[in-house]
Amino acid sequence: MTDTSGLEPVATFCGECDCGCPQLFVDPAAPTGRRIVLTDDFGQRIQMSADQFSSIVANAKEGKLDGIA
């Protein structure tokens, strides 16, 4: 799994199992454009800026992601 030492945990998505659920972190040591970190249950990670993550959140709140699930 991805090394998450030094990252500040924000949220775990699912969390009702022990399979390595996707997680959201803030990496205070990362450059501004890579401070938000999403990990998945396959050991992969995506890094993005807070602005990019805010755009995802705004789209979700507007219902633009509802058709995905």
PDB file of N, CA and C in Angstrom:
ATOM      1  N   MET A   1       0.839  -1.182   0.000  1.00  0.00           N
ATOM      2  CA  MET A   1       0.000   0.000   0.000  1.00  0.00           C
ATOM      3  C   MET A   1       0.884   1.245   0.000  1.00  0.00           C
ATOM      4  N   THR A   2       0.335   2.339  -0.395  1.00  0.00           N
ATOM      5  CA  THR A   2       1.021   3.619  -0.457  1.00  0.00           C
ATOM      6  C   THR A   2       1.457   4.066   0.934  1.00  0.00           C
ATOM      7  N   ASP A   3       2.668   4.590   1.050  1.00  0.00           N
ATOM      8  CA  ASP A   3       3.159   5.114   2.325  1.00  0.00           C
ATOM      9  C   ASP A   3       2.432   6.411   2.629  1.00  0.00           C
ATOM     10  N   THR A   4       1.762   6.463   3.772  1.00  0.00           N
ATOM     11  CA  THR A   4       1.008   7.657   4.161  1.00  0.00           C
ATOM     12  C   THR A   4       1.629   8.365   5.363  1.00  0.00           C
ATOM     13  N   SER A   5       2.857   8.003   5.715  1.00  0.00           N
ATOM     14  CA  SER A   5       3.504   8.675   6.833  1.00  0.00           C
ATOM     15  C   SER A   5       3.728  10.146   6.486  1.00  0.00           C
ATOM     16  N   GLY A   6       3.469  11.013   7.431  1.00  0.00           N
ATOM     17  CA  GLY A   6       3.624  12.445   7.220  1.00  0.00           C
ATOM     18  C   GLY A   6       2.400  13.112   6.628  1.00  0.00           C
ATOM     19  N   LEU A   7       1.392  12.317   6.241  1.00  0.00           N
ATOM     20  CA  LEU A   7       0.165  12.876   5.684  1.00  0.00           C
ATOM     21  C   LEU A   7      -0.881  13.057   6.779  1.00  0.00           C
ATOM     22  N   GLU A   8      -1.684  14.105   6.657  1.00  0.00           N
ATOM     23  CA  GLU A   8      -2.759  14.354   7.617  1.00  0.00           C
ATOM     24  C   GLU A   8      -4.052  13.754   7.073  1.00  0.00           C
ATOM     25  N   PRO A   9      -4.614  12.736   7.756  1.00  0.00           N
ATOM     26  CA  PRO A   9      -5.841  12.114   7.258  1.00  0.00           C
ATOM     27  C   PRO A   9      -7.032  13.069   7.364  1.00  0.00           C
ATOM     28  N   VAL A  10      -7.890  13.042   6.329  1.00  0.00           N
ATOM     29  CA  VAL A  10      -9.084  13.874   6.299  1.00  0.00           C
ATOM     30  C   VAL A  10     -10.337  13.006   6.296  1.00  0.00           C
ATOM     31  N   ALA A  11     -10.378  11.989   5.421  1.00  0.00           N
ATOM     32  CA  ALA A  11     -11.574  11.145   5.304  1.00  0.00           C
ATOM     33  C   ALA A  11     -11.198   9.771   4.779  1.00  0.00           C
ATOM     34  N   THR A  12     -11.985   8.774   5.180  1.00  0.00           N
ATOM     35  CA  THR A  12     -11.891   7.424   4.645  1.00  0.00           C
ATOM     36  C   THR A  12     -13.215   7.120   3.975  1.00  0.00           C
ATOM     37  N   PHE A  13     -13.161   6.637   2.746  1.00  0.00           N
ATOM     38  CA  PHE A  13     -14.366   6.354   1.984  1.00  0.00           C
ATOM     39  C   PHE A  13     -14.670   4.869   2.080  1.00  0.00           C
ATOM     40  N   CYS A  14     -15.738   4.543   2.710  1.00  0.00           N
ATOM     41  CA  CYS A  14     -16.194   3.200   3.053  1.00  0.00           C
ATOM     42  C   CYS A  14     -15.862   2.982   4.519  1.00  0.00           C
ATOM     43  N   GLY A  15     -14.700   2.476   4.807  1.00  0.00           N
ATOM     44  CA  GLY A  15     -14.276   2.309   6.189  1.00  0.00           C
ATOM     45  C   GLY A  15     -15.022   1.230   6.951  1.00  0.00           C
ATOM     46  N   GLU A  16     -15.903   0.490   6.274  1.00  0.00           N
ATOM     47  CA  GLU A  16     -16.679  -0.541   6.941  1.00  0.00           C
ATOM     48  C   GLU A  16     -16.107  -1.930   6.705  1.00  0.00           C
ATOM     49  N   CYS A  17     -14.893  -1.954   6.189  1.00  0.00           N
ATOM     50  CA  CYS A  17     -14.238  -3.230   5.933  1.00  0.00           C
ATOM     51  C   CYS A  17     -12.753  -3.071   6.268  1.00  0.00           C
ATOM     52  N   ASP A  18     -12.010  -4.087   6.009  1.00  0.00           N
ATOM     53  CA  ASP A  18     -10.573  -4.028   6.281  1.00  0.00           C
ATOM     54  C   ASP A  18      -9.790  -4.315   5.001  1.00  0.00           C
ATOM     55  N   CYS A  19     -10.236  -3.653   3.912  1.00  0.00           N
ATOM     56  CA  CYS A  19      -9.638  -3.959   2.604  1.00  0.00           C
ATOM     57  C   CYS A  19      -8.760  -2.826   2.078  1.00  0.00           C
ATOM     58  N   GLY A  20      -8.450  -1.832   2.893  1.00  0.00           N
ATOM     59  CA  GLY A  20      -7.639  -0.727   2.404  1.00  0.00           C
ATOM     60  C   GLY A  20      -8.455   0.280   1.635  1.00  0.00           C
ATOM     61  N   CYS A  21      -9.490   0.781   2.223  1.00  0.00           N
ATOM     62  CA  CYS A  21     -10.422   1.702   1.575  1.00  0.00           C
ATOM     63  C   CYS A  21      -9.724   2.975   1.079  1.00  0.00           C
ATOM     64  N   PRO A  22     -10.284   3.612   0.037  1.00  0.00           N
ATOM     65  CA  PRO A  22      -9.735   4.883  -0.428  1.00  0.00           C
ATOM     66  C   PRO A  22      -9.729   5.917   0.689  1.00  0.00           C
ATOM     67  N   GLN A  23      -8.716   6.769   0.693  1.00  0.00           N
ATOM     68  CA  GLN A  23      -8.579   7.780   1.734  1.00  0.00           C
ATOM     69  C   GLN A  23      -8.169   9.115   1.138  1.00  0.00           C
ATOM     70  N   LEU A  24      -8.517  10.173   1.852  1.00  0.00           N
ATOM     71  CA  LEU A  24      -8.166  11.540   1.477  1.00  0.00           C
ATOM     72  C   LEU A  24      -7.230  12.094   2.540  1.00  0.00           C
ATOM     73  N   PHE A  25      -6.129  12.693   2.103  1.00  0.00           N
ATOM     74  CA  PHE A  25      -5.127  13.254   3.000  1.00  0.00           C
ATOM     75  C   PHE A  25      -4.722  14.649   2.546  1.00  0.00           C
ATOM     76  N   VAL A  26      -4.105  15.386   3.463  1.00  0.00           N
ATOM     77  CA  VAL A  26      -3.394  16.617   3.124  1.00  0.00           C
ATOM     78  C   VAL A  26      -1.922  16.351   3.412  1.00  0.00           C
ATOM     79  N   ASP A  27      -1.073  16.721   2.456  1.00  0.00           N
ATOM     80  CA  ASP A  27       0.370  16.574   2.626  1.00  0.00           C
ATOM     81  C   ASP A  27       0.954  17.965   2.834  1.00  0.00           C
ATOM     82  N   PRO A  28       1.174  18.363   4.090  1.00  0.00           N
ATOM     83  CA  PRO A  28       1.657  19.711   4.360  1.00  0.00           C
ATOM     84  C   PRO A  28       3.057  19.986   3.824  1.00  0.00           C
ATOM     85  N   ALA A  29       3.820  18.950   3.540  1.00  0.00           N
ATOM     86  CA  ALA A  29       5.186  19.130   3.035  1.00  0.00           C
ATOM     87  C   ALA A  29       5.255  19.201   1.508  1.00  0.00           C
ATOM     88  N   ALA A  30       4.148  18.906   0.830  1.00  0.00           N
ATOM     89  CA  ALA A  30       4.143  18.884  -0.635  1.00  0.00           C
ATOM     90  C   ALA A  30       4.041  20.294  -1.202  1.00  0.00           C
ATOM     91  N   PRO A  31       4.484  20.474  -2.443  1.00  0.00           N
ATOM     92  CA  PRO A  31       4.271  21.759  -3.108  1.00  0.00           C
ATOM     93  C   PRO A  31       2.767  22.047  -3.198  1.00  0.00           C
ATOM     94  N   THR A  32       2.392  23.299  -3.276  1.00  0.00           N
ATOM     95  CA  THR A  32       0.984  23.707  -3.275  1.00  0.00           C
ATOM     96  C   THR A  32       0.156  22.942  -4.306  1.00  0.00           C
ATOM     97  N   GLY A  33       0.687  22.703  -5.460  1.00  0.00           N
ATOM     98  CA  GLY A  33      -0.042  22.026  -6.528  1.00  0.00           C
ATOM     99  C   GLY A  33      -0.237  20.537  -6.336  1.00  0.00           C
ATOM    100  N   ARG A  34       0.320  19.988  -5.251  1.00  0.00           N
ATOM    101  CA  ARG A  34       0.226  18.537  -5.006  1.00  0.00           C
ATOM    102  C   ARG A  34      -0.143  18.223  -3.559  1.00  0.00           C
ATOM    103  N   ARG A  35      -0.734  19.153  -2.874  1.00  0.00           N
ATOM    104  CA  ARG A  35      -0.958  19.025  -1.437  1.00  0.00           C
ATOM    105  C   ARG A  35      -2.094  18.075  -1.062  1.00  0.00           C
ATOM    106  N   ILE A  36      -3.100  17.940  -1.920  1.00  0.00           N
ATOM    107  CA  ILE A  36      -4.224  17.039  -1.636  1.00  0.00           C
ATOM    108  C   ILE A  36      -3.882  15.669  -2.212  1.00  0.00           C
ATOM    109  N   VAL A  37      -4.048  14.624  -1.399  1.00  0.00           N
ATOM    110  CA  VAL A  37      -3.668  13.269  -1.800  1.00  0.00           C
ATOM    111  C   VAL A  37      -4.857  12.333  -1.626  1.00  0.00           C
ATOM    112  N   LEU A  38      -5.205  11.630  -2.703  1.00  0.00           N
ATOM    113  CA  LEU A  38      -6.210  10.571  -2.656  1.00  0.00           C
ATOM    114  C   LEU A  38      -5.495   9.244  -2.870  1.00  0.00           C
ATOM    115  N   THR A  39      -5.748   8.284  -2.011  1.00  0.00           N
ATOM    116  CA  THR A  39      -5.183   6.949  -2.188  1.00  0.00           C
ATOM    117  C   THR A  39      -6.329   5.979  -2.462  1.00  0.00           C
ATOM    118  N   ASP A  40      -6.035   4.921  -3.208  1.00  0.00           N
ATOM    119  CA  ASP A  40      -7.061   3.908  -3.434  1.00  0.00           C
ATOM    120  C   ASP A  40      -6.653   2.597  -2.775  1.00  0.00           C
ATOM    121  N   ASP A  41      -7.526   1.609  -2.891  1.00  0.00           N
ATOM    122  CA  ASP A  41      -7.271   0.337  -2.230  1.00  0.00           C
ATOM    123  C   ASP A  41      -6.306  -0.553  -3.016  1.00  0.00           C
ATOM    124  N   PHE A  42      -5.726  -0.035  -4.105  1.00  0.00           N
ATOM    125  CA  PHE A  42      -4.738  -0.773  -4.880  1.00  0.00           C
ATOM    126  C   PHE A  42      -3.328  -0.227  -4.671  1.00  0.00           C
ATOM    127  N   GLY A  43      -3.181   0.751  -3.764  1.00  0.00           N
ATOM    128  CA  GLY A  43      -1.871   1.318  -3.474  1.00  0.00           C
ATOM    129  C   GLY A  43      -1.478   2.482  -4.364  1.00  0.00           C
ATOM    130  N   GLN A  44      -2.406   2.969  -5.161  1.00  0.00           N
ATOM    131  CA  GLN A  44      -2.127   4.104  -6.034  1.00  0.00           C
ATOM    132  C   GLN A  44      -2.456   5.402  -5.310  1.00  0.00           C
ATOM    133  N   ARG A  45      -1.900   6.503  -5.800  1.00  0.00           N
ATOM    134  CA  ARG A  45      -2.222   7.803  -5.209  1.00  0.00           C
ATOM    135  C   ARG A  45      -2.321   8.853  -6.295  1.00  0.00           C
ATOM    136  N   ILE A  46      -3.194   9.814  -6.055  1.00  0.00           N
ATOM    137  CA  ILE A  46      -3.378  10.971  -6.929  1.00  0.00           C
ATOM    138  C   ILE A  46      -3.106  12.191  -6.079  1.00  0.00           C
ATOM    139  N   GLN A  47      -2.299  13.113  -6.605  1.00  0.00           N
ATOM    140  CA  GLN A  47      -2.015  14.352  -5.899  1.00  0.00           C
ATOM    141  C   GLN A  47      -2.526  15.515  -6.737  1.00  0.00           C
ATOM    142  N   MET A  48      -3.111  16.508  -6.067  1.00  0.00           N
ATOM    143  CA  MET A  48      -3.672  17.663  -6.765  1.00  0.00           C
ATOM    144  C   MET A  48      -3.645  18.878  -5.850  1.00  0.00           C
ATOM    145  N   SER A  49      -3.938  20.016  -6.426  1.00  0.00           N
ATOM    146  CA  SER A  49      -3.999  21.249  -5.637  1.00  0.00           C
ATOM    147  C   SER A  49      -5.341  21.328  -4.905  1.00  0.00           C
ATOM    148  N   ALA A  50      -5.404  22.179  -3.916  1.00  0.00           N
ATOM    149  CA  ALA A  50      -6.651  22.406  -3.197  1.00  0.00           C
ATOM    150  C   ALA A  50      -7.714  22.971  -4.143  1.00  0.00           C
ATOM    151  N   ASP A  51      -7.312  23.809  -5.084  1.00  0.00           N
ATOM    152  CA  ASP A  51      -8.259  24.360  -6.066  1.00  0.00           C
ATOM    153  C   ASP A  51      -8.851  23.258  -6.936  1.00  0.00           C
ATOM    154  N   GLN A  52      -8.021  22.336  -7.384  1.00  0.00           N
ATOM    155  CA  GLN A  52      -8.519  21.221  -8.193  1.00  0.00           C
ATOM    156  C   GLN A  52      -9.491  20.374  -7.387  1.00  0.00           C
ATOM    157  N   PHE A  53      -9.158  20.088  -6.138  1.00  0.00           N
ATOM    158  CA  PHE A  53     -10.047  19.295  -5.298  1.00  0.00           C
ATOM    159  C   PHE A  53     -11.348  20.048  -5.032  1.00  0.00           C
ATOM    160  N   SER A  54     -11.271  21.354  -4.830  1.00  0.00           N
ATOM    161  CA  SER A  54     -12.477  22.165  -4.620  1.00  0.00           C
ATOM    162  C   SER A  54     -13.405  22.082  -5.826  1.00  0.00           C
ATOM    163  N   SER A  55     -12.833  22.012  -7.020  1.00  0.00           N
ATOM    164  CA  SER A  55     -13.632  21.868  -8.237  1.00  0.00           C
ATOM    165  C   SER A  55     -14.390  20.538  -8.244  1.00  0.00           C
ATOM    166  N   ILE A  56     -13.736  19.467  -7.821  1.00  0.00           N
ATOM    167  CA  ILE A  56     -14.396  18.161  -7.728  1.00  0.00           C
ATOM    168  C   ILE A  56     -15.548  18.221  -6.734  1.00  0.00           C
ATOM    169  N   VAL A  57     -15.298  18.818  -5.574  1.00  0.00           N
ATOM    170  CA  VAL A  57     -16.329  18.938  -4.545  1.00  0.00           C
ATOM    171  C   VAL A  57     -17.513  19.761  -5.059  1.00  0.00           C
ATOM    172  N   ALA A  58     -17.231  20.874  -5.734  1.00  0.00           N
ATOM    173  CA  ALA A  58     -18.299  21.721  -6.279  1.00  0.00           C
ATOM    174  C   ALA A  58     -19.131  20.949  -7.300  1.00  0.00           C
ATOM    175  N   ASN A  59     -18.467  20.195  -8.174  1.00  0.00           N
ATOM    176  CA  ASN A  59     -19.193  19.384  -9.153  1.00  0.00           C
ATOM    177  C   ASN A  59     -20.072  18.342  -8.473  1.00  0.00           C
ATOM    178  N   ALA A  60     -19.572  17.730  -7.422  1.00  0.00           N
ATOM    179  CA  ALA A  60     -20.359  16.741  -6.689  1.00  0.00           C
ATOM    180  C   ALA A  60     -21.581  17.393  -6.033  1.00  0.00           C
ATOM    181  N   LYS A  61     -21.388  18.551  -5.429  1.00  0.00           N
ATOM    182  CA  LYS A  61     -22.503  19.251  -4.786  1.00  0.00           C
ATOM    183  C   LYS A  61     -23.574  19.663  -5.796  1.00  0.00           C
ATOM    184  N   GLU A  62     -23.158  19.967  -7.013  1.00  0.00           N
ATOM    185  CA  GLU A  62     -24.095  20.365  -8.062  1.00  0.00           C
ATOM    186  C   GLU A  62     -24.777  19.174  -8.713  1.00  0.00           C
ATOM    187  N   GLY A  63     -24.400  17.950  -8.317  1.00  0.00           N
ATOM    188  CA  GLY A  63     -25.013  16.751  -8.856  1.00  0.00           C
ATOM    189  C   GLY A  63     -24.396  16.258 -10.146  1.00  0.00           C
ATOM    190  N   LYS A  64     -23.307  16.880 -10.597  1.00  0.00           N
ATOM    191  CA  LYS A  64     -22.688  16.493 -11.860  1.00  0.00           C
ATOM    192  C   LYS A  64     -22.059  15.100 -11.829  1.00  0.00           C
ATOM    193  N   LEU A  65     -21.821  14.563 -10.656  1.00  0.00           N
ATOM    194  CA  LEU A  65     -21.213  13.236 -10.540  1.00  0.00           C
ATOM    195  C   LEU A  65     -22.214  12.155 -10.177  1.00  0.00           C
ATOM    196  N   ASP A  66     -23.489  12.526 -10.050  1.00  0.00           N
ATOM    197  CA  ASP A  66     -24.493  11.569  -9.608  1.00  0.00           C
ATOM    198  C   ASP A  66     -24.652  10.354 -10.518  1.00  0.00           C
ATOM    199  N   GLY A  67     -24.465  10.504 -11.797  1.00  0.00           N
ATOM    200  CA  GLY A  67     -24.641   9.416 -12.735  1.00  0.00           C
ATOM    201  C   GLY A  67     -23.518   8.388 -12.713  1.00  0.00           C
ATOM    202  N   ILE A  68     -22.443   8.674 -12.020  1.00  0.00           N
ATOM    203  CA  ILE A  68     -21.291   7.763 -11.996  1.00  0.00           C
ATOM    204  C   ILE A  68     -21.570   6.530 -11.147  1.00  0.00           C
ATOM    205  N   ALA A  69     -22.150   6.734  -9.987  1.00  0.00           N
ATOM    206  CA  ALA A  69     -22.354   5.629  -9.045  1.00  0.00           C
ATOM    207  C   ALA A  69     -23.612   4.842  -9.361  1.00  0.00           C
TER     208      ALA A  69
END
